[in-house]
Amino acid sequence: MTRLIEGPGPAAGVSRTAVVIAQAREAESARPDRLFDDPLAGPLADAAGRITGISEAGRRAGEHFVLRTRFFDDRLREATAAGRRQVVLLAAGLDTRAFRLEWPKGTRLFEVDLPDLIARKERALAGRGVRPACDRTVVSADLREDWSSPLLAAGLDPGEPIAWLIEGVLMYLTPEDGARVLGEVSELSLPGSRLAVEHVNRAYADLPQMRPAMSRLASTQAAWRSAVEDPERWLAGYGWRATVTHQADLARGLGRPVPAMADPQAVGSARIWLVDAVRDGGRPPAAAAAPARASRASRDTGGHFQAAGRHSTDIGGAQDADRHLRSADTGGAQDTDRHLRSADTDRRRETTTMPFTDENVRELLLAVGLDPAAGDDALELSFDELDLDSLARVEIATRIQDRFGVDVEEQLTAGTTPSLMRELVTERLAVTGAGGGGRTS
């Protein structure tokens, strides 16, 4: 049985990320060695607006979405097997766990998300005549506003333990909003409640390979606005005892290759945190006991994005980061873009007056591993023939965007030649008026 509960929250378009995730789950479900089966993922992606031409970065992210899905599936199974009969999915997106997982008798599952996404999802589900495997209630609310009141009004019982899932959303919230969400979750949770959550550290958001994706997210006002450096300390400040699973270990345990963006040899200290936590006993700490004031009295000791060039301190980091991200500009995308690029901005303004020459192309190729002895004919060979993989192409695209201000990541395929790349960048520079009239040499 499904119930739809209307609540406050601004109208919003269906999240591009939610659709990309659904498409990744659809592709995984078609594999003979699939980690899960999600027969509704494809129809929901179609109903929400299927995305074609997903970039290389998007395809790499799909590997993460698949592993993350299985990780959180298992955590919810464990929570309900241990007796929790209330499950809350915050920012549920196009999630179909209510339909595809086997739930113990008496399980009540609540999905919370924005009104427009919920409306599209419910229409698509109704058209297929599917029924959930539990008592499912959909709550329309915005996590940046009052979401707990409509959730309680929909029937959530804070007098019983709860299993929470916060998947793929906290990095999109400001530190202030994220602190308030965790404060309210903690206030509503009895000892023994479970929390499964995902976040990233700053090093991950700052990876050169992530810059094109970060720029696109910022341009759609869906930028990443926060990060956490120590998930265990971060959640301990809210009264949770946390365990962190490294994605590389998860992949190996499931018999899958380690995703390139999670391989420590490739990304160093950058991390996507997959966390499972149990609510400790005793009184809620200050951050949880006063959720309305959590942004000002937060014990978020994990750290958040700060103004460029600064590192977070333990207590009060959320306040500093929020001042930086919000400042006088209410456009969060511009704020985050300023953080991600900072000192590069002025340099780009100076360098975009230059044409994109063969010399520029060769410098980029050498930077990602081209043999220095290679002759000019290398410019006519494809990236595949030059043995430059997808990570090399992402690095090249990132450097082009940083220096020349144009994004060509999606156009750099295995079959693209460096000379074609030069022509493409030159055309983009000519369109923007920054390329010296399109001269290439």
Protein backbone atom coordinates (compact mmCIF):
# COMPACT_ATOMS: atom_id res chain seq x y z
CA MET A 1 0.00 0.00 0.00
CA THR A 2 1.24 3.47 -0.90
CA ARG A 3 0.09 6.75 0.62
CA LEU A 4 1.06 10.16 -0.73
CA ILE A 5 1.43 12.95 1.84
CA GLU A 6 1.64 16.50 0.54
CA GLY A 7 3.94 18.91 2.33
CA PRO A 8 5.87 22.14 1.90
CA GLY A 9 8.68 22.52 -0.59
CA PRO A 10 9.33 24.47 -3.78
CA ALA A 11 8.50 22.98 -7.15
CA ALA A 12 11.65 21.59 -8.74
CA GLY A 13 12.60 19.74 -11.91
CA VAL A 14 13.43 16.07 -11.76
CA SER A 15 17.03 15.74 -10.67
CA ARG A 16 19.42 14.86 -13.46
CA THR A 17 21.43 12.84 -10.97
CA ALA A 18 18.36 10.79 -9.99
CA VAL A 19 17.86 9.83 -13.65
CA VAL A 20 21.53 8.93 -14.16
CA ILE A 21 21.35 6.72 -11.06
CA ALA A 22 18.20 5.01 -12.32
CA GLN A 23 19.87 4.32 -15.66
CA ALA A 24 22.90 2.84 -13.89
CA ARG A 25 20.63 0.57 -11.87
CA GLU A 26 18.82 -0.45 -15.05
CA ALA A 27 22.10 -1.42 -16.72
CA GLU A 28 23.22 -3.38 -13.67
CA SER A 29 19.93 -5.28 -13.58
CA ALA A 30 20.57 -6.52 -17.13
CA ARG A 31 23.85 -8.19 -16.15
CA PRO A 32 23.89 -11.95 -15.54
CA ASP A 33 26.09 -11.34 -12.48
CA ARG A 34 24.00 -8.41 -11.24
CA LEU A 35 24.38 -7.21 -7.68
CA PHE A 36 20.66 -6.41 -7.48
CA ASP A 37 17.56 -6.50 -9.68
CA ASP A 38 15.66 -3.25 -10.25
CA PRO A 39 13.02 -3.85 -12.96
CA LEU A 40 11.44 -0.45 -12.34
CA ALA A 41 14.62 1.56 -12.89
CA GLY A 42 14.24 1.75 -16.67
CA PRO A 43 10.56 2.74 -16.71
CA LEU A 44 11.20 5.43 -14.09
CA ALA A 45 14.13 6.80 -16.07
CA ASP A 46 11.89 6.95 -19.15
CA ALA A 47 9.12 8.71 -17.23
CA ALA A 48 11.49 11.24 -15.69
CA GLY A 49 13.32 11.93 -18.94
CA ARG A 50 16.05 9.54 -20.00
CA ILE A 51 19.47 11.13 -20.45
CA THR A 52 21.44 10.30 -23.58
CA GLY A 53 25.08 11.01 -24.23
CA ILE A 54 26.24 10.52 -20.64
CA SER A 55 29.84 11.72 -20.29
CA GLU A 56 32.80 9.53 -19.40
CA ALA A 57 32.65 10.92 -15.88
CA GLY A 58 28.98 9.97 -15.73
CA ARG A 59 29.73 6.43 -16.83
CA ARG A 60 32.44 6.12 -14.19
CA ALA A 61 29.98 7.42 -11.61
CA GLY A 62 27.63 4.62 -12.63
CA GLU A 63 30.10 2.09 -11.22
CA HIS A 64 29.90 3.90 -7.89
CA PHE A 65 26.10 4.11 -7.96
CA VAL A 66 25.86 0.34 -8.44
CA LEU A 67 28.19 -0.47 -5.55
CA ARG A 68 26.51 2.13 -3.36
CA THR A 69 23.08 0.68 -4.11
CA ARG A 70 24.13 -2.80 -3.05
CA PHE A 71 25.87 -1.48 0.08
CA PHE A 72 22.77 0.36 1.27
CA ASP A 73 20.48 -2.54 0.28
CA ASP A 74 22.46 -4.75 2.63
CA ARG A 75 22.45 -2.20 5.45
CA LEU A 76 18.66 -1.85 5.29
CA ARG A 77 18.24 -5.63 5.22
CA GLU A 78 20.40 -5.88 8.32
CA ALA A 79 18.45 -3.16 10.10
CA THR A 80 15.05 -4.75 9.47
CA ALA A 81 16.36 -8.24 10.25
CA ALA A 82 17.41 -6.83 13.63
CA GLY A 83 13.86 -5.71 14.31
CA ARG A 84 13.56 -2.16 12.97
CA ARG A 85 10.17 -1.80 11.34
CA GLN A 86 10.35 1.87 10.33
CA VAL A 87 12.53 2.86 7.36
CA VAL A 88 13.01 6.44 6.14
CA LEU A 89 14.64 7.30 2.80
CA LEU A 90 15.55 11.00 2.75
CA ALA A 91 15.81 12.47 -0.78
CA ALA A 92 14.59 9.14 -2.13
CA GLY A 93 14.72 10.18 -5.78
CA LEU A 94 13.73 7.35 -8.13
CA ASP A 95 14.50 4.72 -5.48
CA THR A 96 12.46 1.50 -5.77
CA ARG A 97 13.55 -0.37 -2.64
CA ALA A 98 9.96 -0.41 -1.38
CA PHE A 99 9.11 -2.60 -4.38
CA ARG A 100 12.21 -4.68 -5.07
CA LEU A 101 13.45 -5.69 -1.60
CA GLU A 102 11.84 -8.33 0.61
CA TRP A 103 10.64 -6.59 3.75
CA PRO A 104 9.65 -8.25 7.03
CA LYS A 105 5.95 -8.18 7.82
CA GLY A 106 4.93 -4.89 9.41
CA THR A 107 7.65 -2.76 7.82
CA ARG A 108 6.64 0.86 7.20
CA LEU A 109 8.77 2.72 4.67
CA PHE A 110 8.68 6.50 4.18
CA GLU A 111 10.10 8.22 1.09
CA VAL A 112 10.81 11.95 1.37
CA ASP A 113 11.59 14.13 -1.64
CA LEU A 114 10.60 17.21 -3.62
CA PRO A 115 7.05 17.48 -4.98
CA ASP A 116 7.77 17.48 -8.70
CA LEU A 117 9.99 14.42 -8.61
CA ILE A 118 7.49 12.57 -6.45
CA ALA A 119 4.61 13.44 -8.79
CA ARG A 120 6.43 12.08 -11.86
CA LYS A 121 7.52 8.97 -10.03
CA GLU A 122 4.04 8.21 -8.68
CA ARG A 123 2.43 8.64 -12.10
CA ALA A 124 4.93 6.22 -13.62
CA LEU A 125 4.41 3.65 -10.87
CA ALA A 126 0.63 3.94 -11.07
CA GLY A 127 0.79 3.33 -14.82
CA ARG A 128 2.54 0.02 -14.26
CA GLY A 129 0.16 -1.18 -11.55
CA VAL A 130 2.93 -2.28 -9.21
CA ARG A 131 2.46 -2.74 -5.47
CA PRO A 132 5.10 -2.18 -2.78
CA ALA A 133 6.33 -5.05 -0.64
CA CYS A 134 5.75 -3.02 2.52
CA ASP A 135 3.54 -0.22 3.83
CA ARG A 136 4.89 2.68 1.75
CA THR A 137 4.21 6.38 2.45
CA VAL A 138 5.50 9.16 0.20
CA VAL A 139 6.10 12.55 1.85
CA SER A 140 6.55 15.69 -0.22
CA ALA A 141 9.07 17.95 1.52
CA ASP A 142 12.31 19.89 1.02
CA LEU A 143 15.23 18.92 3.28
CA ARG A 144 16.26 22.58 3.35
CA GLU A 145 12.94 23.45 4.98
CA ASP A 146 10.74 21.72 7.56
CA TRP A 147 10.69 18.09 6.51
CA SER A 148 10.31 16.39 9.90
CA SER A 149 6.85 17.83 10.64
CA PRO A 150 5.21 16.36 7.52
CA LEU A 151 7.08 13.10 8.13
CA LEU A 152 5.70 12.88 11.67
CA ALA A 153 2.26 13.84 10.41
CA ALA A 154 2.50 10.98 7.90
CA GLY A 155 2.83 8.51 10.76
CA LEU A 156 6.52 8.14 11.63
CA ASP A 157 6.70 7.06 15.29
CA PRO A 158 9.75 8.48 17.12
CA GLY A 159 8.90 6.16 20.01
CA GLU A 160 10.19 3.21 17.99
CA PRO A 161 13.67 2.70 16.47
CA ILE A 162 14.13 3.89 12.89
CA ALA A 163 16.41 2.85 10.04
CA TRP A 164 17.45 5.97 8.08
CA LEU A 165 19.02 6.16 4.64
CA ILE A 166 20.57 9.42 3.41
CA GLU A 167 22.00 8.44 0.04
CA GLY A 168 23.70 10.85 -2.34
CA VAL A 169 22.31 14.11 -0.96
CA LEU A 170 24.35 15.61 1.90
CA MET A 171 27.14 16.88 -0.36
CA TYR A 172 24.52 18.97 -2.19
CA LEU A 173 23.44 20.69 1.05
CA THR A 174 25.23 23.58 2.70
CA PRO A 175 26.96 22.71 5.97
CA GLU A 176 24.19 24.57 7.79
CA ASP A 177 21.40 22.60 6.11
CA GLY A 178 23.26 19.32 6.49
CA ALA A 179 23.80 19.96 10.20
CA ARG A 180 20.12 20.66 10.67
CA VAL A 181 19.11 17.48 8.81
CA LEU A 182 21.39 15.34 10.96
CA GLY A 183 20.26 17.15 14.09
CA GLU A 184 16.61 16.38 13.35
CA VAL A 185 17.38 12.77 12.40
CA SER A 186 19.20 12.34 15.70
CA GLU A 187 16.44 13.99 17.72
CA LEU A 188 13.87 11.61 16.20
CA SER A 189 15.98 8.49 16.76
CA LEU A 190 15.81 6.28 19.82
CA PRO A 191 18.95 4.38 20.89
CA GLY A 192 19.36 1.39 18.62
CA SER A 193 18.19 3.25 15.51
CA ARG A 194 20.36 2.77 12.41
CA LEU A 195 21.71 5.34 9.97
CA ALA A 196 23.22 4.64 6.55
CA VAL A 197 24.74 7.69 4.89
CA GLU A 198 27.03 8.76 2.06
CA HIS A 199 29.35 11.75 1.92
CA VAL A 200 32.67 12.79 0.35
CA ASN A 201 35.82 14.46 1.60
CA ARG A 202 37.18 17.66 0.19
CA ALA A 203 40.03 15.90 -1.61
CA TYR A 204 37.46 13.98 -3.66
CA ALA A 205 35.58 17.12 -4.71
CA ASP A 206 38.91 18.75 -5.58
CA LEU A 207 40.16 15.92 -7.81
CA PRO A 208 41.18 17.26 -11.23
CA GLN A 209 39.07 14.51 -12.80
CA MET A 210 36.01 15.90 -11.00
CA ARG A 211 36.33 19.51 -12.14
CA PRO A 212 34.30 19.19 -15.37
CA ALA A 213 31.53 17.41 -13.46
CA MET A 214 31.63 20.00 -10.67
CA SER A 215 31.34 22.79 -13.23
CA ARG A 216 28.32 21.17 -14.87
CA LEU A 217 26.64 20.62 -11.52
CA ALA A 218 27.23 24.24 -10.60
CA SER A 219 25.76 25.41 -13.91
CA THR A 220 22.53 23.51 -13.14
CA GLN A 221 22.44 24.85 -9.58
CA ALA A 222 23.03 21.36 -8.21
CA ALA A 223 26.54 21.99 -6.93
CA TRP A 224 28.28 20.14 -4.14
CA ARG A 225 28.35 22.44 -1.12
CA SER A 226 29.89 20.44 1.71
CA ALA A 227 32.35 17.69 2.61
CA VAL A 228 33.35 15.66 5.66
CA GLU A 229 36.91 14.69 6.60
CA ASP A 230 36.29 12.22 9.44
CA PRO A 231 32.89 10.48 9.27
CA GLU A 232 33.28 8.69 12.61
CA ARG A 233 33.99 11.90 14.54
CA TRP A 234 31.37 13.74 12.50
CA LEU A 235 28.56 11.34 13.42
CA ALA A 236 29.81 10.86 16.99
CA GLY A 237 29.00 14.53 17.47
CA TYR A 238 25.35 13.64 16.87
CA GLY A 239 25.34 10.54 19.07
CA TRP A 240 25.99 7.86 16.45
CA ARG A 241 28.64 5.12 16.50
CA ALA A 242 29.79 4.85 12.89
CA THR A 243 31.61 2.30 10.74
CA VAL A 244 33.13 3.38 7.43
CA THR A 245 33.45 1.05 4.43
CA HIS A 246 35.97 1.92 1.75
CA GLN A 247 34.55 1.56 -1.72
CA ALA A 248 37.64 -0.31 -2.92
CA ASP A 249 37.09 -2.94 -0.21
CA LEU A 250 33.40 -3.11 -1.07
CA ALA A 251 34.15 -3.71 -4.75
CA ARG A 252 36.64 -6.46 -4.01
CA GLY A 253 34.24 -8.12 -1.58
CA LEU A 254 31.54 -8.18 -4.25
CA GLY A 255 33.88 -9.49 -6.92
CA ARG A 256 33.90 -6.29 -8.95
CA PRO A 257 36.84 -4.20 -10.24
CA VAL A 258 37.69 -1.23 -8.07
CA PRO A 259 36.24 1.87 -9.75
CA ALA A 260 38.95 4.19 -11.02
CA MET A 261 37.57 7.05 -8.94
CA ALA A 262 37.88 4.93 -5.78
CA ASP A 263 41.30 3.41 -6.39
CA PRO A 264 43.73 4.88 -3.83
CA GLN A 265 46.57 4.48 -6.33
CA ALA A 266 44.71 6.82 -8.69
CA VAL A 267 43.00 9.25 -6.31
CA GLY A 268 45.27 9.31 -3.27
CA SER A 269 43.45 10.52 -0.18
CA ALA A 270 40.19 11.30 -2.01
CA ARG A 271 37.29 9.34 -0.56
CA ILE A 272 33.59 8.67 -1.01
CA TRP A 273 32.40 7.71 2.46
CA LEU A 274 29.90 4.85 2.81
CA VAL A 275 28.86 4.81 6.44
CA ASP A 276 26.68 2.65 8.67
CA ALA A 277 25.93 3.93 12.19
CA VAL A 278 24.03 2.91 15.32
CA ARG A 279 22.38 5.43 17.65
CA ASP A 280 24.06 5.37 21.05
CA GLY A 281 22.14 5.56 24.31
CA GLY A 282 21.81 8.56 26.59
CA ARG A 283 20.63 12.07 25.92
CA PRO A 284 21.11 13.50 22.44
CA PRO A 285 24.15 15.78 22.18
CA ALA A 286 23.71 19.50 21.63
CA ALA A 287 23.64 19.27 17.85
CA ALA A 288 20.75 16.80 17.93
CA ALA A 289 18.85 18.18 20.91
CA ALA A 290 18.32 21.55 19.24
CA PRO A 291 17.91 20.81 15.53
CA ALA A 292 16.59 24.28 14.76
CA ARG A 293 19.87 25.71 16.05
CA ALA A 294 22.12 22.94 14.77
CA SER A 295 23.74 25.18 12.18
CA ARG A 296 24.96 27.53 14.90
CA ALA A 297 25.78 25.03 17.66
CA SER A 298 26.93 22.15 15.50
CA ARG A 299 29.37 19.54 16.73
CA ASP A 300 30.15 18.57 13.17
CA THR A 301 33.78 17.69 13.80
CA GLY A 302 34.26 16.20 10.36
CA GLY A 303 34.90 19.50 8.60
CA HIS A 304 33.25 21.14 5.58
CA PHE A 305 34.16 23.15 2.51
CA GLN A 306 35.81 26.42 3.53
CA ALA A 307 36.78 29.56 1.73
CA ALA A 308 39.56 28.88 -0.77
CA GLY A 309 42.92 28.28 0.84
CA ARG A 310 41.53 27.58 4.34
CA HIS A 311 41.16 24.31 6.20
CA SER A 312 38.23 23.51 8.47
CA THR A 313 38.49 23.56 12.22
CA ASP A 314 36.59 21.05 14.33
CA ILE A 315 33.84 23.12 15.92
CA GLY A 316 32.35 25.98 14.01
CA GLY A 317 33.57 24.76 10.63
CA ALA A 318 30.05 24.60 9.32
CA GLN A 319 29.52 28.26 10.17
CA ASP A 320 32.68 29.37 8.37
CA ALA A 321 31.85 27.27 5.33
CA ASP A 322 28.31 28.51 5.20
CA ARG A 323 29.48 32.13 5.31
CA HIS A 324 31.76 31.36 2.41
CA LEU A 325 29.18 29.45 0.36
CA ARG A 326 26.27 31.79 0.94
CA SER A 327 28.13 35.13 1.33
CA ALA A 328 26.21 37.97 -0.28
CA ASP A 329 25.27 35.93 -3.33
CA THR A 330 22.18 33.78 -3.07
CA GLY A 331 23.23 31.75 -6.13
CA GLY A 332 24.75 28.68 -4.52
CA ALA A 333 26.10 27.45 -7.84
CA GLN A 334 28.22 30.55 -8.31
CA ASP A 335 29.50 30.28 -4.75
CA THR A 336 30.59 26.68 -5.19
CA ASP A 337 32.15 27.39 -8.57
CA ARG A 338 34.14 30.18 -6.93
CA HIS A 339 35.36 27.71 -4.31
CA LEU A 340 36.35 25.07 -6.83
CA ARG A 341 38.24 27.42 -9.11
CA SER A 342 39.31 30.34 -6.87
CA ALA A 343 42.78 31.34 -7.96
CA ASP A 344 42.36 29.81 -11.43
CA THR A 345 39.78 32.39 -12.46
CA ASP A 346 42.09 35.33 -13.06
CA ARG A 347 44.64 33.10 -14.77
CA ARG A 348 41.96 31.78 -17.12
CA ARG A 349 40.89 35.30 -18.07
CA GLU A 350 44.44 36.04 -19.09
CA THR A 351 45.12 32.81 -20.97
CA THR A 352 41.86 32.49 -22.89
CA THR A 353 43.09 35.22 -25.21
CA MET A 354 45.60 32.70 -26.62
CA PRO A 355 44.83 30.37 -29.53
CA PHE A 356 44.89 26.63 -28.99
CA THR A 357 47.97 25.45 -30.87
CA ASP A 358 49.67 22.17 -31.72
CA GLU A 359 52.16 23.08 -29.01
CA ASN A 360 49.32 23.27 -26.47
CA VAL A 361 48.09 19.88 -27.64
CA ARG A 362 51.51 18.29 -27.31
CA GLU A 363 51.96 19.72 -23.80
CA LEU A 364 48.67 18.14 -22.75
CA LEU A 365 49.56 14.78 -24.27
CA LEU A 366 52.97 14.74 -22.59
CA ALA A 367 51.32 15.62 -19.25
CA VAL A 368 49.21 12.45 -19.38
CA GLY A 369 51.92 10.05 -20.50
CA LEU A 370 52.61 10.42 -24.23
CA ASP A 371 56.07 9.19 -25.20
CA PRO A 372 58.22 12.34 -25.61
CA ALA A 373 59.83 10.72 -28.66
CA ALA A 374 56.48 10.60 -30.51
CA GLY A 375 56.47 12.64 -33.69
CA ASP A 376 53.90 15.05 -35.08
CA ASP A 377 52.01 12.15 -36.65
CA ALA A 378 50.83 11.29 -33.14
CA LEU A 379 48.34 14.15 -33.45
CA GLU A 380 46.51 12.15 -36.14
CA LEU A 381 46.20 8.99 -34.05
CA SER A 382 43.21 8.33 -31.80
CA PHE A 383 43.49 8.42 -28.03
CA ASP A 384 42.96 4.66 -28.11
CA GLU A 385 45.84 4.21 -30.54
CA LEU A 386 47.99 6.43 -28.32
CA ASP A 387 47.09 4.18 -25.37
CA LEU A 388 45.59 7.11 -23.44
CA ASP A 389 42.63 5.84 -21.40
CA SER A 390 39.50 7.57 -20.11
CA LEU A 391 41.26 9.02 -17.07
CA ALA A 392 43.88 10.58 -19.34
CA ARG A 393 41.11 12.12 -21.47
CA VAL A 394 39.39 13.49 -18.37
CA GLU A 395 42.68 15.01 -17.21
CA ILE A 396 43.19 16.65 -20.61
CA ALA A 397 39.63 18.00 -20.62
CA THR A 398 40.11 19.34 -17.10
CA ARG A 399 43.30 21.17 -18.04
CA ILE A 400 41.63 22.65 -21.13
CA GLN A 401 38.71 23.88 -19.08
CA ASP A 402 40.96 25.35 -16.40
CA ARG A 403 43.21 27.15 -18.86
CA PHE A 404 40.90 28.02 -21.75
CA GLY A 405 37.47 28.01 -20.15
CA VAL A 406 35.76 25.52 -22.50
CA ASP A 407 34.35 22.09 -21.62
CA VAL A 408 35.04 19.34 -24.17
CA GLU A 409 35.04 16.27 -21.93
CA GLU A 410 32.03 14.63 -23.56
CA GLN A 411 33.58 15.04 -27.02
CA LEU A 412 36.90 13.39 -26.11
CA THR A 413 36.20 9.74 -26.88
CA ALA A 414 38.57 6.85 -27.44
CA GLY A 415 38.32 7.49 -31.20
CA THR A 416 39.04 11.23 -31.05
CA THR A 417 42.41 12.38 -32.39
CA PRO A 418 44.40 15.21 -30.81
CA SER A 419 44.12 17.20 -34.04
CA LEU A 420 40.33 16.93 -33.91
CA MET A 421 40.48 18.00 -30.28
CA ARG A 422 42.50 21.06 -31.32
CA GLU A 423 39.91 21.98 -33.94
CA LEU A 424 37.08 21.51 -31.46
CA VAL A 425 38.69 23.71 -28.81
CA THR A 426 39.56 26.34 -31.41
CA GLU A 427 35.94 26.44 -32.57
CA ARG A 428 34.70 26.81 -28.99
CA LEU A 429 37.17 29.62 -28.34
CA ALA A 430 36.10 31.39 -31.51
CA VAL A 431 32.45 31.20 -30.44
CA THR A 432 33.28 32.72 -27.06
CA GLY A 433 35.48 35.36 -28.64
CA ALA A 434 38.46 34.21 -26.62
CA GLY A 435 40.52 32.37 -29.17
CA GLY A 436 42.30 34.98 -31.19
CA GLY A 437 39.84 34.65 -34.08
CA GLY A 438 40.21 30.88 -34.26
CA ARG A 439 43.89 30.79 -35.27
CA THR A 440 45.39 27.38 -34.51
CA SER A 441 49.06 27.89 -35.18
